[in-house]
Amino acid sequence: MKIVVDTCAFLAVVLDEPERKRIVELTAGHELIAPETLPFEIANALTALAKKKAFDANELLAAWESVEEIAVELRAVNVRSALDLALGLNIYAYDAYFLECALRLRLPILTLDIKMKRPARHLGIAVLE
């Protein structure tokens, strides 16, 4: 099965968050899909953590190296469709990229973000938890 996986889930895995084990269980043996924006979103989140001094630079660079080891197929984003979703659902475009991908490909989504779970369900997208 193919699964659209969002930025929060990737970060939880590479930063060894409590949800890591469950995410690994849910995705084991499946193909991971994400919008082509994923690497940029992860890098942005890592720099935000650095600014907050939540992790040091070496830890964040190691996290990035872990991200690079995760097999994920990056898909082009239909920005117009994502923008329509973002405006219609009153969400950020970055979240809409993942929803647009899942909706277009008719795939379930794995997210830890409650702000993405509600709109996903509203759109009829299966949410893995």
N, C-alpha and C. Protein backbone atom coordinates (compact mmCIF):
# COMPACT_ATOMS: atom_id res chain seq x y z
N MET A 1 0.85 -1.18 0.00
CA MET A 1 0.00 0.00 0.00
C MET A 1 0.89 1.24 0.00
N LYS A 2 0.41 2.28 -0.65
CA LYS A 2 1.09 3.57 -0.63
C LYS A 2 0.41 4.47 0.40
N ILE A 3 1.22 5.25 1.09
CA ILE A 3 0.72 6.14 2.14
C ILE A 3 1.35 7.51 1.97
N VAL A 4 0.53 8.55 2.03
CA VAL A 4 1.06 9.92 2.06
C VAL A 4 1.44 10.21 3.50
N VAL A 5 2.68 10.63 3.70
CA VAL A 5 3.19 10.89 5.04
C VAL A 5 3.60 12.35 5.12
N ASP A 6 3.18 13.02 6.20
CA ASP A 6 3.46 14.45 6.32
C ASP A 6 4.74 14.75 7.09
N THR A 7 5.08 16.01 7.12
CA THR A 7 6.31 16.49 7.74
C THR A 7 6.39 16.11 9.21
N CYS A 8 5.31 16.27 9.94
CA CYS A 8 5.31 15.96 11.38
C CYS A 8 5.69 14.51 11.64
N ALA A 9 5.19 13.62 10.82
CA ALA A 9 5.50 12.20 11.01
C ALA A 9 6.98 11.92 10.74
N PHE A 10 7.52 12.51 9.70
CA PHE A 10 8.95 12.35 9.42
C PHE A 10 9.78 12.88 10.57
N LEU A 11 9.43 14.05 11.06
CA LEU A 11 10.18 14.65 12.17
C LEU A 11 10.09 13.80 13.42
N ALA A 12 8.93 13.25 13.70
CA ALA A 12 8.77 12.41 14.89
C ALA A 12 9.70 11.20 14.82
N VAL A 13 9.86 10.65 13.63
CA VAL A 13 10.73 9.48 13.47
C VAL A 13 12.19 9.88 13.65
N VAL A 14 12.65 10.89 12.94
CA VAL A 14 14.08 11.21 12.96
C VAL A 14 14.52 11.91 14.25
N LEU A 15 13.58 12.49 14.97
CA LEU A 15 13.92 13.14 16.24
C LEU A 15 13.60 12.24 17.43
N ASP A 16 13.24 10.99 17.14
CA ASP A 16 12.97 9.98 18.15
C ASP A 16 11.90 10.41 19.16
N GLU A 17 10.81 10.95 18.62
CA GLU A 17 9.69 11.37 19.45
C GLU A 17 8.91 10.13 19.91
N PRO A 18 8.05 10.27 20.93
CA PRO A 18 7.30 9.12 21.44
C PRO A 18 6.47 8.38 20.38
N GLU A 19 6.01 9.09 19.35
CA GLU A 19 5.17 8.48 18.30
C GLU A 19 5.98 7.65 17.30
N ARG A 20 7.28 7.72 17.39
CA ARG A 20 8.17 7.08 16.42
C ARG A 20 7.82 5.60 16.20
N LYS A 21 7.71 4.85 17.26
CA LYS A 21 7.47 3.41 17.15
C LYS A 21 6.19 3.12 16.37
N ARG A 22 5.13 3.83 16.68
CA ARG A 22 3.84 3.61 16.00
C ARG A 22 3.93 3.97 14.52
N ILE A 23 4.62 5.05 14.21
CA ILE A 23 4.77 5.47 12.81
C ILE A 23 5.53 4.42 12.02
N VAL A 24 6.60 3.91 12.60
CA VAL A 24 7.39 2.87 11.94
C VAL A 24 6.53 1.62 11.72
N GLU A 25 5.73 1.26 12.72
CA GLU A 25 4.83 0.10 12.57
C GLU A 25 3.82 0.31 11.43
N LEU A 26 3.23 1.50 11.39
CA LEU A 26 2.21 1.78 10.38
C LEU A 26 2.77 1.82 8.96
N THR A 27 4.03 2.20 8.83
CA THR A 27 4.59 2.38 7.49
C THR A 27 5.45 1.20 7.02
N ALA A 28 5.77 0.28 7.91
CA ALA A 28 6.64 -0.85 7.55
C ALA A 28 6.04 -1.62 6.37
N GLY A 29 6.85 -1.82 5.36
CA GLY A 29 6.43 -2.58 4.20
C GLY A 29 5.57 -1.82 3.21
N HIS A 30 5.35 -0.54 3.45
CA HIS A 30 4.53 0.28 2.56
C HIS A 30 5.39 1.32 1.84
N GLU A 31 4.89 1.80 0.73
CA GLU A 31 5.58 2.85 -0.01
C GLU A 31 5.13 4.21 0.50
N LEU A 32 6.10 5.07 0.81
CA LEU A 32 5.79 6.40 1.31
C LEU A 32 5.78 7.41 0.17
N ILE A 33 4.79 8.27 0.20
CA ILE A 33 4.60 9.31 -0.81
C ILE A 33 4.50 10.64 -0.08
N ALA A 34 5.02 11.69 -0.69
CA ALA A 34 4.88 13.04 -0.13
C ALA A 34 4.99 14.05 -1.26
N PRO A 35 4.46 15.24 -1.05
CA PRO A 35 4.64 16.29 -2.04
C PRO A 35 6.11 16.67 -2.16
N GLU A 36 6.49 17.19 -3.30
CA GLU A 36 7.88 17.56 -3.54
C GLU A 36 8.39 18.64 -2.59
N THR A 37 7.50 19.24 -1.84
CA THR A 37 7.89 20.27 -0.88
C THR A 37 8.44 19.69 0.42
N LEU A 38 8.32 18.39 0.62
CA LEU A 38 8.70 17.76 1.88
C LEU A 38 10.11 18.12 2.36
N PRO A 39 11.15 17.98 1.55
CA PRO A 39 12.49 18.29 2.06
C PRO A 39 12.62 19.74 2.55
N PHE A 40 11.96 20.65 1.88
CA PHE A 40 12.03 22.06 2.27
C PHE A 40 11.30 22.30 3.58
N GLU A 41 10.18 21.62 3.75
CA GLU A 41 9.41 21.76 4.99
C GLU A 41 10.18 21.17 6.17
N ILE A 42 10.83 20.03 5.95
CA ILE A 42 11.62 19.42 7.02
C ILE A 42 12.79 20.33 7.38
N ALA A 43 13.49 20.83 6.38
CA ALA A 43 14.62 21.72 6.66
C ALA A 43 14.15 22.96 7.41
N ASN A 44 13.02 23.51 7.04
CA ASN A 44 12.48 24.68 7.73
C ASN A 44 12.16 24.36 9.19
N ALA A 45 11.55 23.20 9.42
CA ALA A 45 11.23 22.78 10.79
C ALA A 45 12.50 22.58 11.61
N LEU A 46 13.52 22.01 11.00
CA LEU A 46 14.78 21.81 11.72
C LEU A 46 15.42 23.14 12.10
N THR A 47 15.38 24.11 11.21
CA THR A 47 15.95 25.41 11.56
C THR A 47 15.12 26.11 12.62
N ALA A 48 13.81 25.89 12.62
CA ALA A 48 12.96 26.47 13.67
C ALA A 48 13.34 25.87 15.02
N LEU A 49 13.62 24.58 15.05
CA LEU A 49 14.05 23.94 16.29
C LEU A 49 15.40 24.46 16.75
N ALA A 50 16.26 24.75 15.79
CA ALA A 50 17.57 25.32 16.14
C ALA A 50 17.41 26.71 16.75
N LYS A 51 16.53 27.51 16.17
CA LYS A 51 16.29 28.86 16.70
C LYS A 51 15.74 28.80 18.13
N LYS A 52 14.91 27.81 18.40
CA LYS A 52 14.34 27.65 19.75
C LYS A 52 15.34 26.99 20.69
N LYS A 53 16.47 26.57 20.14
CA LYS A 53 17.50 25.86 20.90
C LYS A 53 16.98 24.56 21.52
N ALA A 54 16.02 23.95 20.83
CA ALA A 54 15.47 22.68 21.28
C ALA A 54 16.45 21.53 21.03
N PHE A 55 17.27 21.69 20.00
CA PHE A 55 18.31 20.72 19.65
C PHE A 55 19.52 21.50 19.21
N ASP A 56 20.70 20.91 19.32
CA ASP A 56 21.88 21.62 18.81
C ASP A 56 22.07 21.31 17.33
N ALA A 57 22.95 22.03 16.70
CA ALA A 57 23.14 21.92 15.25
C ALA A 57 23.54 20.50 14.84
N ASN A 58 24.41 19.86 15.60
CA ASN A 58 24.83 18.51 15.24
C ASN A 58 23.67 17.52 15.28
N GLU A 59 22.80 17.66 16.27
CA GLU A 59 21.63 16.78 16.36
C GLU A 59 20.71 16.99 15.17
N LEU A 60 20.53 18.24 14.77
CA LEU A 60 19.63 18.54 13.66
C LEU A 60 20.22 18.09 12.33
N LEU A 61 21.53 18.23 12.18
CA LEU A 61 22.16 17.74 10.95
C LEU A 61 22.09 16.22 10.89
N ALA A 62 22.23 15.56 12.02
CA ALA A 62 22.08 14.10 12.07
C ALA A 62 20.64 13.71 11.73
N ALA A 63 19.68 14.50 12.20
CA ALA A 63 18.27 14.24 11.86
C ALA A 63 18.07 14.35 10.36
N TRP A 64 18.67 15.36 9.73
CA TRP A 64 18.54 15.52 8.28
C TRP A 64 19.13 14.31 7.56
N GLU A 65 20.28 13.85 8.03
CA GLU A 65 20.89 12.67 7.40
C GLU A 65 19.96 11.46 7.53
N SER A 66 19.27 11.34 8.65
CA SER A 66 18.29 10.25 8.82
C SER A 66 17.13 10.39 7.85
N VAL A 67 16.67 11.63 7.65
CA VAL A 67 15.59 11.88 6.69
C VAL A 67 16.00 11.38 5.31
N GLU A 68 17.23 11.68 4.93
CA GLU A 68 17.71 11.30 3.60
C GLU A 68 17.76 9.79 3.40
N GLU A 69 17.78 9.02 4.49
CA GLU A 69 17.82 7.57 4.39
C GLU A 69 16.43 6.94 4.24
N ILE A 70 15.39 7.73 4.47
CA ILE A 70 14.02 7.20 4.38
C ILE A 70 13.57 7.24 2.92
N ALA A 71 13.18 6.09 2.42
CA ALA A 71 12.71 6.02 1.04
C ALA A 71 11.32 6.65 0.94
N VAL A 72 11.23 7.70 0.14
CA VAL A 72 9.95 8.38 -0.06
C VAL A 72 9.89 8.87 -1.50
N GLU A 73 8.77 8.65 -2.12
CA GLU A 73 8.56 9.13 -3.49
C GLU A 73 7.96 10.52 -3.41
N LEU A 74 8.67 11.49 -3.96
CA LEU A 74 8.18 12.87 -3.96
C LEU A 74 7.37 13.13 -5.22
N ARG A 75 6.21 13.70 -5.03
CA ARG A 75 5.29 13.96 -6.14
C ARG A 75 5.13 15.46 -6.36
N ALA A 76 4.93 15.83 -7.60
CA ALA A 76 4.68 17.23 -7.95
C ALA A 76 3.37 17.67 -7.29
N VAL A 77 3.33 18.93 -6.94
CA VAL A 77 2.15 19.50 -6.30
C VAL A 77 1.34 20.26 -7.35
N ASN A 78 0.05 20.04 -7.36
CA ASN A 78 -0.84 20.87 -8.16
C ASN A 78 -1.18 22.06 -7.27
N VAL A 79 -0.42 23.13 -7.43
CA VAL A 79 -0.53 24.28 -6.53
C VAL A 79 -1.92 24.90 -6.61
N ARG A 80 -2.51 24.96 -7.77
CA ARG A 80 -3.85 25.55 -7.88
C ARG A 80 -4.87 24.75 -7.07
N SER A 81 -4.81 23.43 -7.19
CA SER A 81 -5.73 22.60 -6.41
C SER A 81 -5.47 22.74 -4.92
N ALA A 82 -4.19 22.77 -4.55
CA ALA A 82 -3.85 22.93 -3.14
C ALA A 82 -4.30 24.29 -2.62
N LEU A 83 -4.16 25.30 -3.42
CA LEU A 83 -4.61 26.64 -3.02
C LEU A 83 -6.12 26.67 -2.84
N ASP A 84 -6.85 26.02 -3.75
CA ASP A 84 -8.31 25.92 -3.60
C ASP A 84 -8.66 25.23 -2.28
N LEU A 85 -7.95 24.14 -1.97
CA LEU A 85 -8.20 23.44 -0.71
C LEU A 85 -7.88 24.33 0.49
N ALA A 86 -6.73 24.99 0.44
CA ALA A 86 -6.31 25.84 1.56
C ALA A 86 -7.32 26.95 1.82
N LEU A 87 -7.78 27.58 0.76
CA LEU A 87 -8.73 28.67 0.92
C LEU A 87 -10.10 28.16 1.36
N GLY A 88 -10.51 27.04 0.81
CA GLY A 88 -11.81 26.48 1.16
C GLY A 88 -11.87 25.91 2.58
N LEU A 89 -10.74 25.42 3.05
CA LEU A 89 -10.69 24.79 4.38
C LEU A 89 -10.07 25.70 5.44
N ASN A 90 -9.62 26.87 5.01
CA ASN A 90 -8.98 27.83 5.92
C ASN A 90 -7.77 27.20 6.62
N ILE A 91 -6.89 26.61 5.80
CA ILE A 91 -5.66 26.00 6.30
C ILE A 91 -4.48 26.58 5.53
N TYR A 92 -3.28 26.30 6.01
CA TYR A 92 -2.08 26.75 5.31
C TYR A 92 -1.87 25.95 4.03
N ALA A 93 -1.28 26.58 3.04
CA ALA A 93 -0.98 25.91 1.78
C ALA A 93 -0.07 24.71 2.01
N TYR A 94 0.90 24.84 2.93
CA TYR A 94 1.81 23.73 3.19
C TYR A 94 1.05 22.47 3.63
N ASP A 95 0.00 22.63 4.42
CA ASP A 95 -0.83 21.48 4.81
C ASP A 95 -1.65 20.99 3.62
N ALA A 96 -2.12 21.92 2.84
CA ALA A 96 -2.94 21.57 1.68
C ALA A 96 -2.16 20.77 0.65
N TYR A 97 -0.85 20.95 0.56
CA TYR A 97 -0.05 20.17 -0.39
C TYR A 97 -0.18 18.68 -0.10
N PHE A 98 -0.15 18.31 1.18
CA PHE A 98 -0.27 16.91 1.56
C PHE A 98 -1.67 16.39 1.30
N LEU A 99 -2.67 17.20 1.62
CA LEU A 99 -4.06 16.80 1.39
C LEU A 99 -4.33 16.66 -0.10
N GLU A 100 -3.82 17.59 -0.89
CA GLU A 100 -4.01 17.53 -2.35
C GLU A 100 -3.39 16.26 -2.90
N CYS A 101 -2.22 15.93 -2.41
CA CYS A 101 -1.52 14.72 -2.86
C CYS A 101 -2.34 13.47 -2.51
N ALA A 102 -2.79 13.37 -1.28
CA ALA A 102 -3.59 12.21 -0.86
C ALA A 102 -4.90 12.13 -1.62
N LEU A 103 -5.54 13.26 -1.80
CA LEU A 103 -6.82 13.31 -2.50
C LEU A 103 -6.66 12.91 -3.97
N ARG A 104 -5.67 13.49 -4.63
CA ARG A 104 -5.44 13.23 -6.05
C ARG A 104 -5.07 11.77 -6.29
N LEU A 105 -4.24 11.21 -5.41
CA LEU A 105 -3.78 9.84 -5.59
C LEU A 105 -4.69 8.81 -4.92
N ARG A 106 -5.71 9.31 -4.20
CA ARG A 106 -6.66 8.45 -3.49
C ARG A 106 -5.94 7.52 -2.52
N LEU A 107 -5.09 8.13 -1.69
CA LEU A 107 -4.30 7.39 -0.72
C LEU A 107 -4.61 7.87 0.68
N PRO A 108 -4.38 6.99 1.67
CA PRO A 108 -4.52 7.43 3.05
C PRO A 108 -3.37 8.36 3.42
N ILE A 109 -3.56 9.10 4.50
CA ILE A 109 -2.52 10.01 4.96
C ILE A 109 -2.14 9.66 6.40
N LEU A 110 -0.86 9.78 6.68
CA LEU A 110 -0.36 9.60 8.04
C LEU A 110 0.12 10.96 8.52
N THR A 111 -0.54 11.47 9.52
CA THR A 111 -0.19 12.77 10.08
C THR A 111 -0.39 12.76 11.58
N LEU A 112 0.41 13.54 12.27
CA LEU A 112 0.23 13.74 13.71
C LEU A 112 -0.47 15.06 13.98
N ASP A 113 -0.66 15.83 12.93
CA ASP A 113 -1.18 17.19 13.05
C ASP A 113 -2.71 17.19 13.06
N ILE A 114 -3.27 17.53 14.21
CA ILE A 114 -4.74 17.57 14.35
C ILE A 114 -5.35 18.56 13.36
N LYS A 115 -4.61 19.61 13.03
CA LYS A 115 -5.12 20.61 12.08
C LYS A 115 -5.18 20.07 10.66
N MET A 116 -4.54 18.93 10.43
CA MET A 116 -4.64 18.31 9.12
C MET A 116 -5.60 17.11 9.15
N LYS A 117 -5.76 16.49 10.30
CA LYS A 117 -6.65 15.33 10.41
C LYS A 117 -8.10 15.70 10.12
N ARG A 118 -8.55 16.79 10.70
CA ARG A 118 -9.96 17.18 10.51
C ARG A 118 -10.28 17.46 9.04
N PRO A 119 -9.48 18.31 8.37
CA PRO A 119 -9.77 18.56 6.95
C PRO A 119 -9.65 17.30 6.10
N ALA A 120 -8.69 16.43 6.45
CA ALA A 120 -8.52 15.18 5.68
C ALA A 120 -9.80 14.35 5.77
N ARG A 121 -10.30 14.20 6.97
CA ARG A 121 -11.54 13.43 7.14
C ARG A 121 -12.71 14.09 6.43
N HIS A 122 -12.75 15.40 6.50
CA HIS A 122 -13.82 16.16 5.81
C HIS A 122 -13.79 15.88 4.31
N LEU A 123 -12.59 15.71 3.77
CA LEU A 123 -12.43 15.44 2.33
C LEU A 123 -12.60 13.96 1.99
N GLY A 124 -12.81 13.12 2.99
CA GLY A 124 -12.96 11.69 2.74
C GLY A 124 -11.65 10.94 2.63
N ILE A 125 -10.57 11.54 3.09
CA ILE A 125 -9.25 10.90 3.07
C ILE A 125 -9.12 10.05 4.34
N ALA A 126 -8.72 8.80 4.18
CA ALA A 126 -8.48 7.94 5.33
C ALA A 126 -7.25 8.44 6.08
N VAL A 127 -7.37 8.55 7.38
CA VAL A 127 -6.27 9.03 8.22
C VAL A 127 -5.76 7.86 9.05
N LEU A 128 -4.47 7.58 8.92
CA LEU A 128 -3.85 6.51 9.71
C LEU A 128 -3.43 7.08 11.05
N GLU A 129 -3.71 6.32 12.10
CA GLU A 129 -3.36 6.79 13.46
C GLU A 129 -2.70 5.68 14.23
